[in-house]
Amino acid sequence: MQTNHDSLIGKTLRGKYQVISKLAQGGQGNIYDAKDITSSIDKRYIVKQFAPTYESGSQLQKAQELFNQEAIILQKLGSHTQIPQIFDYFTENSQFFLVQEFIDGQNLQQELDQKKYLTESATIEILQDILRVLQFVHQNNYIHRDLKPSNLIRNQCDR
């Protein structure tokens, strides 16, 4: 089942989240910038669209189960101050969507590309920050399966 994911720009999902722009595309789907048009508060969100491939209804059902499990885990992990909160998750037109807190900042890969190198103390500080979050994740019996610099965002307001 193929769909044109860019067609989501300008669309409203779940009657609530208006997709503003596409921020990234990954192996498991797309990431969009969105806003809640039902709220008088001007707040940005990240909408992650998961686009699993499936051949049958049973595969779609299994994908739905795994997606729901993942969303429940993310709700639990979102209680940590350095992990984005999840606000909503839903299925629409056999596609899976997760709505998360927007983190204003740049990812670690962008930072490394700009700086070219880091001092030993800066490297240790970054690794300690990452390890504290991973310790929390592991204490909750979860393993992050896609840990890489481009998935680590340093919040602009508190670094």
C-alpha atoms as a PDB file:
ATOM      1  CA  MET A   1       0.000   0.000   0.000  1.00  0.00           C
ATOM      2  CA  GLN A   2       1.721   3.183  -1.191  1.00  0.00           C
ATOM      3  CA  THR A   3       0.698   6.706  -0.203  1.00  0.00           C
ATOM      4  CA  ASN A   4       2.089  10.151  -0.914  1.00  0.00           C
ATOM      5  CA  HIS A   5       3.185  11.246   2.543  1.00  0.00           C
ATOM      6  CA  ASP A   6       3.942  14.817   1.427  1.00  0.00           C
ATOM      7  CA  SER A   7       0.221  15.218   0.785  1.00  0.00           C
ATOM      8  CA  LEU A   8      -0.186  15.558   4.573  1.00  0.00           C
ATOM      9  CA  ILE A   9       1.119  19.137   4.489  1.00  0.00           C
ATOM     10  CA  GLY A  10      -1.848  21.432   5.087  1.00  0.00           C
ATOM     11  CA  LYS A  11      -4.090  18.523   6.121  1.00  0.00           C
ATOM     12  CA  THR A  12      -5.766  18.205   9.488  1.00  0.00           C
ATOM     13  CA  LEU A  13      -5.349  14.918  11.326  1.00  0.00           C
ATOM     14  CA  ARG A  14      -7.915  13.677  13.798  1.00  0.00           C
ATOM     15  CA  GLY A  15      -9.812  16.920  13.273  1.00  0.00           C
ATOM     16  CA  LYS A  16      -7.248  18.617  15.473  1.00  0.00           C
ATOM     17  CA  TYR A  17      -3.614  18.626  14.269  1.00  0.00           C
ATOM     18  CA  GLN A  18      -2.887  20.749  11.225  1.00  0.00           C
ATOM     19  CA  VAL A  19       0.317  19.655   9.496  1.00  0.00           C
ATOM     20  CA  ILE A  20       2.489  22.684   8.729  1.00  0.00           C
ATOM     21  CA  SER A  21       5.627  21.215   7.197  1.00  0.00           C
ATOM     22  CA  LYS A  22       7.677  18.070   6.806  1.00  0.00           C
ATOM     23  CA  LEU A  23      10.751  18.107   9.031  1.00  0.00           C
ATOM     24  CA  ALA A  24      12.359  14.760   8.261  1.00  0.00           C
ATOM     25  CA  GLN A  25      11.959  11.415   6.603  1.00  0.00           C
ATOM     26  CA  GLY A  26      13.307   8.229   8.070  1.00  0.00           C
ATOM     27  CA  GLY A  27      13.220   4.517   7.525  1.00  0.00           C
ATOM     28  CA  GLN A  28      10.050   4.086   9.555  1.00  0.00           C
ATOM     29  CA  GLY A  29       8.116   7.122   8.389  1.00  0.00           C
ATOM     30  CA  ASN A  30       7.990  10.901   8.387  1.00  0.00           C
ATOM     31  CA  ILE A  31       8.165  13.662  10.956  1.00  0.00           C
ATOM     32  CA  TYR A  32       6.022  16.766  10.645  1.00  0.00           C
ATOM     33  CA  ASP A  33       5.630  20.106  12.380  1.00  0.00           C
ATOM     34  CA  ALA A  34       1.999  20.646  13.383  1.00  0.00           C
ATOM     35  CA  LYS A  35      -0.293  22.817  15.470  1.00  0.00           C
ATOM     36  CA  ASP A  36      -3.493  22.113  17.379  1.00  0.00           C
ATOM     37  CA  ILE A  37      -6.227  24.090  15.628  1.00  0.00           C
ATOM     38  CA  THR A  38      -8.760  23.317  18.372  1.00  0.00           C
ATOM     39  CA  SER A  39      -6.786  25.183  21.020  1.00  0.00           C
ATOM     40  CA  SER A  40      -6.496  28.916  21.545  1.00  0.00           C
ATOM     41  CA  ILE A  41      -2.905  28.323  22.710  1.00  0.00           C
ATOM     42  CA  ASP A  42      -0.395  28.614  19.879  1.00  0.00           C
ATOM     43  CA  LYS A  43       1.716  25.531  20.466  1.00  0.00           C
ATOM     44  CA  ARG A  44       3.789  23.443  18.076  1.00  0.00           C
ATOM     45  CA  TYR A  45       3.880  19.672  18.076  1.00  0.00           C
ATOM     46  CA  ILE A  46       5.809  16.971  16.319  1.00  0.00           C
ATOM     47  CA  VAL A  47       3.651  14.481  14.460  1.00  0.00           C
ATOM     48  CA  LYS A  48       5.430  11.238  13.679  1.00  0.00           C
ATOM     49  CA  GLN A  49       3.826   9.219  10.928  1.00  0.00           C
ATOM     50  CA  PHE A  50       4.752   5.552  10.943  1.00  0.00           C
ATOM     51  CA  ALA A  51       4.397   3.891   7.588  1.00  0.00           C
ATOM     52  CA  PRO A  52       4.814   0.151   8.031  1.00  0.00           C
ATOM     53  CA  THR A  53       4.452  -2.049   4.985  1.00  0.00           C
ATOM     54  CA  TYR A  54       2.038  -4.907   5.271  1.00  0.00           C
ATOM     55  CA  GLU A  55       0.593  -7.472   2.915  1.00  0.00           C
ATOM     56  CA  SER A  56      -2.466  -8.614   4.851  1.00  0.00           C
ATOM     57  CA  GLY A  57      -5.022  -7.621   7.450  1.00  0.00           C
ATOM     58  CA  SER A  58      -3.258  -9.759  10.047  1.00  0.00           C
ATOM     59  CA  GLN A  59       0.002  -7.871   9.446  1.00  0.00           C
ATOM     60  CA  LEU A  60      -1.855  -4.568   9.806  1.00  0.00           C
ATOM     61  CA  GLN A  61      -3.404  -5.817  13.050  1.00  0.00           C
ATOM     62  CA  LYS A  62       0.028  -6.842  14.394  1.00  0.00           C
ATOM     63  CA  ALA A  63       1.458  -3.445  13.373  1.00  0.00           C
ATOM     64  CA  GLN A  64      -1.423  -1.772  15.252  1.00  0.00           C
ATOM     65  CA  GLU A  65      -0.674  -3.812  18.394  1.00  0.00           C
ATOM     66  CA  LEU A  66       3.041  -2.966  18.264  1.00  0.00           C
ATOM     67  CA  PHE A  67       2.281   0.712  17.651  1.00  0.00           C
ATOM     68  CA  ASN A  68      -0.070   0.842  20.674  1.00  0.00           C
ATOM     69  CA  GLN A  69       2.553  -0.877  22.867  1.00  0.00           C
ATOM     70  CA  GLU A  70       5.182   1.613  21.719  1.00  0.00           C
ATOM     71  CA  ALA A  71       2.888   4.570  22.478  1.00  0.00           C
ATOM     72  CA  ILE A  72       2.216   3.281  25.997  1.00  0.00           C
ATOM     73  CA  ILE A  73       5.963   2.897  26.625  1.00  0.00           C
ATOM     74  CA  LEU A  74       6.596   6.415  25.321  1.00  0.00           C
ATOM     75  CA  GLN A  75       3.916   7.786  27.663  1.00  0.00           C
ATOM     76  CA  LYS A  76       5.769   6.229  30.580  1.00  0.00           C
ATOM     77  CA  LEU A  77       9.193   7.419  29.417  1.00  0.00           C
ATOM     78  CA  GLY A  78       7.870  10.939  28.748  1.00  0.00           C
ATOM     79  CA  SER A  79       7.797  11.533  32.499  1.00  0.00           C
ATOM     80  CA  HIS A  80      11.571  12.133  32.300  1.00  0.00           C
ATOM     81  CA  THR A  81      12.469  15.799  31.799  1.00  0.00           C
ATOM     82  CA  GLN A  82      14.842  14.976  28.930  1.00  0.00           C
ATOM     83  CA  ILE A  83      12.433  12.816  26.940  1.00  0.00           C
ATOM     84  CA  PRO A  84       9.694  14.469  24.855  1.00  0.00           C
ATOM     85  CA  GLN A  85       6.183  13.958  26.176  1.00  0.00           C
ATOM     86  CA  ILE A  86       3.637  12.143  24.079  1.00  0.00           C
ATOM     87  CA  PHE A  87       0.286  13.930  23.841  1.00  0.00           C
ATOM     88  CA  ASP A  88      -1.697  11.715  21.512  1.00  0.00           C
ATOM     89  CA  TYR A  89      -1.537   8.666  19.289  1.00  0.00           C
ATOM     90  CA  PHE A  90      -4.023   7.371  16.775  1.00  0.00           C
ATOM     91  CA  THR A  91      -4.598   5.481  13.551  1.00  0.00           C
ATOM     92  CA  GLU A  92      -6.091   7.211  10.545  1.00  0.00           C
ATOM     93  CA  ASN A  93      -6.519   5.640   7.099  1.00  0.00           C
ATOM     94  CA  SER A  94      -4.410   2.614   8.162  1.00  0.00           C
ATOM     95  CA  GLN A  95      -1.535   4.951   9.073  1.00  0.00           C
ATOM     96  CA  PHE A  96      -0.161   5.389  12.576  1.00  0.00           C
ATOM     97  CA  PHE A  97       0.467   8.805  14.127  1.00  0.00           C
ATOM     98  CA  LEU A  98       2.164   9.901  17.322  1.00  0.00           C
ATOM     99  CA  VAL A  99       1.933  13.501  18.587  1.00  0.00           C
ATOM    100  CA  GLN A 100       4.847  14.595  20.752  1.00  0.00           C
ATOM    101  CA  GLU A 101       6.237  17.661  22.416  1.00  0.00           C
ATOM    102  CA  PHE A 102       8.163  19.927  20.050  1.00  0.00           C
ATOM    103  CA  ILE A 103      11.745  20.479  21.225  1.00  0.00           C
ATOM    104  CA  ASP A 104      13.140  23.769  19.993  1.00  0.00           C
ATOM    105  CA  GLY A 105      16.790  23.176  19.321  1.00  0.00           C
ATOM    106  CA  GLN A 106      19.216  21.386  17.088  1.00  0.00           C
ATOM    107  CA  ASN A 107      20.201  17.772  17.089  1.00  0.00           C
ATOM    108  CA  LEU A 108      23.621  16.565  18.144  1.00  0.00           C
ATOM    109  CA  GLN A 109      24.601  15.732  14.560  1.00  0.00           C
ATOM    110  CA  GLN A 110      24.011  19.357  13.512  1.00  0.00           C
ATOM    111  CA  GLU A 111      26.040  20.537  16.485  1.00  0.00           C
ATOM    112  CA  LEU A 112      28.920  18.197  15.642  1.00  0.00           C
ATOM    113  CA  ASP A 113      28.850  19.272  11.985  1.00  0.00           C
ATOM    114  CA  GLN A 114      29.155  22.934  13.039  1.00  0.00           C
ATOM    115  CA  LYS A 115      31.895  22.458  15.615  1.00  0.00           C
ATOM    116  CA  LYS A 116      33.914  19.807  13.737  1.00  0.00           C
ATOM    117  CA  TYR A 117      35.410  18.618  17.044  1.00  0.00           C
ATOM    118  CA  LEU A 118      34.660  18.653  20.770  1.00  0.00           C
ATOM    119  CA  THR A 119      36.980  19.018  23.716  1.00  0.00           C
ATOM    120  CA  GLU A 120      37.389  16.059  26.008  1.00  0.00           C
ATOM    121  CA  SER A 121      35.356  17.741  28.751  1.00  0.00           C
ATOM    122  CA  ALA A 122      32.529  18.634  26.338  1.00  0.00           C
ATOM    123  CA  THR A 123      32.467  15.046  25.069  1.00  0.00           C
ATOM    124  CA  ILE A 124      32.309  13.660  28.599  1.00  0.00           C
ATOM    125  CA  GLU A 125      29.503  16.071  29.500  1.00  0.00           C
ATOM    126  CA  ILE A 126      27.421  15.022  26.476  1.00  0.00           C
ATOM    127  CA  LEU A 127      28.013  11.326  27.162  1.00  0.00           C
ATOM    128  CA  GLN A 128      27.041  11.731  30.821  1.00  0.00           C
ATOM    129  CA  ASP A 129      23.805  13.473  29.809  1.00  0.00           C
ATOM    130  CA  ILE A 130      23.000  10.694  27.340  1.00  0.00           C
ATOM    131  CA  LEU A 131      23.850   7.958  29.832  1.00  0.00           C
ATOM    132  CA  ARG A 132      21.552   9.458  32.496  1.00  0.00           C
ATOM    133  CA  VAL A 133      18.634   9.308  30.087  1.00  0.00           C
ATOM    134  CA  LEU A 134      19.551   5.800  28.918  1.00  0.00           C
ATOM    135  CA  GLN A 135      19.738   4.660  32.530  1.00  0.00           C
ATOM    136  CA  PHE A 136      16.161   5.872  33.046  1.00  0.00           C
ATOM    137  CA  VAL A 137      15.058   4.164  29.823  1.00  0.00           C
ATOM    138  CA  HIS A 138      16.697   0.870  30.839  1.00  0.00           C
ATOM    139  CA  GLN A 139      15.285   1.057  34.374  1.00  0.00           C
ATOM    140  CA  ASN A 140      11.871   1.082  32.711  1.00  0.00           C
ATOM    141  CA  ASN A 141      12.745  -2.130  30.843  1.00  0.00           C
ATOM    142  CA  TYR A 142      13.025  -0.510  27.462  1.00  0.00           C
ATOM    143  CA  ILE A 143      15.872  -0.444  24.935  1.00  0.00           C
ATOM    144  CA  HIS A 144      16.267   2.487  22.568  1.00  0.00           C
ATOM    145  CA  ARG A 145      16.668   0.940  19.132  1.00  0.00           C
ATOM    146  CA  ASP A 146      17.734   4.002  17.167  1.00  0.00           C
ATOM    147  CA  LEU A 147      20.267   5.896  19.232  1.00  0.00           C
ATOM    148  CA  LYS A 148      22.310   8.230  17.041  1.00  0.00           C
ATOM    149  CA  PRO A 149      23.372  11.906  17.093  1.00  0.00           C
ATOM    150  CA  SER A 150      20.559  13.007  14.766  1.00  0.00           C
ATOM    151  CA  ASN A 151      17.990  11.633  17.266  1.00  0.00           C
ATOM    152  CA  LEU A 152      19.383  13.585  20.220  1.00  0.00           C
ATOM    153  CA  ILE A 153      18.107  17.161  20.409  1.00  0.00           C
ATOM    154  CA  ARG A 154      19.624  19.730  22.700  1.00  0.00           C
ATOM    155  CA  ASN A 155      16.820  21.973  23.965  1.00  0.00           C
ATOM    156  CA  GLN A 156      17.593  25.590  23.051  1.00  0.00           C
ATOM    157  CA  CYS A 157      16.241  27.028  26.327  1.00  0.00           C
ATOM    158  CA  ASP A 158      18.166  24.851  28.799  1.00  0.00           C
ATOM    159  CA  ARG A 159      20.753  23.015  26.636  1.00  0.00           C
END
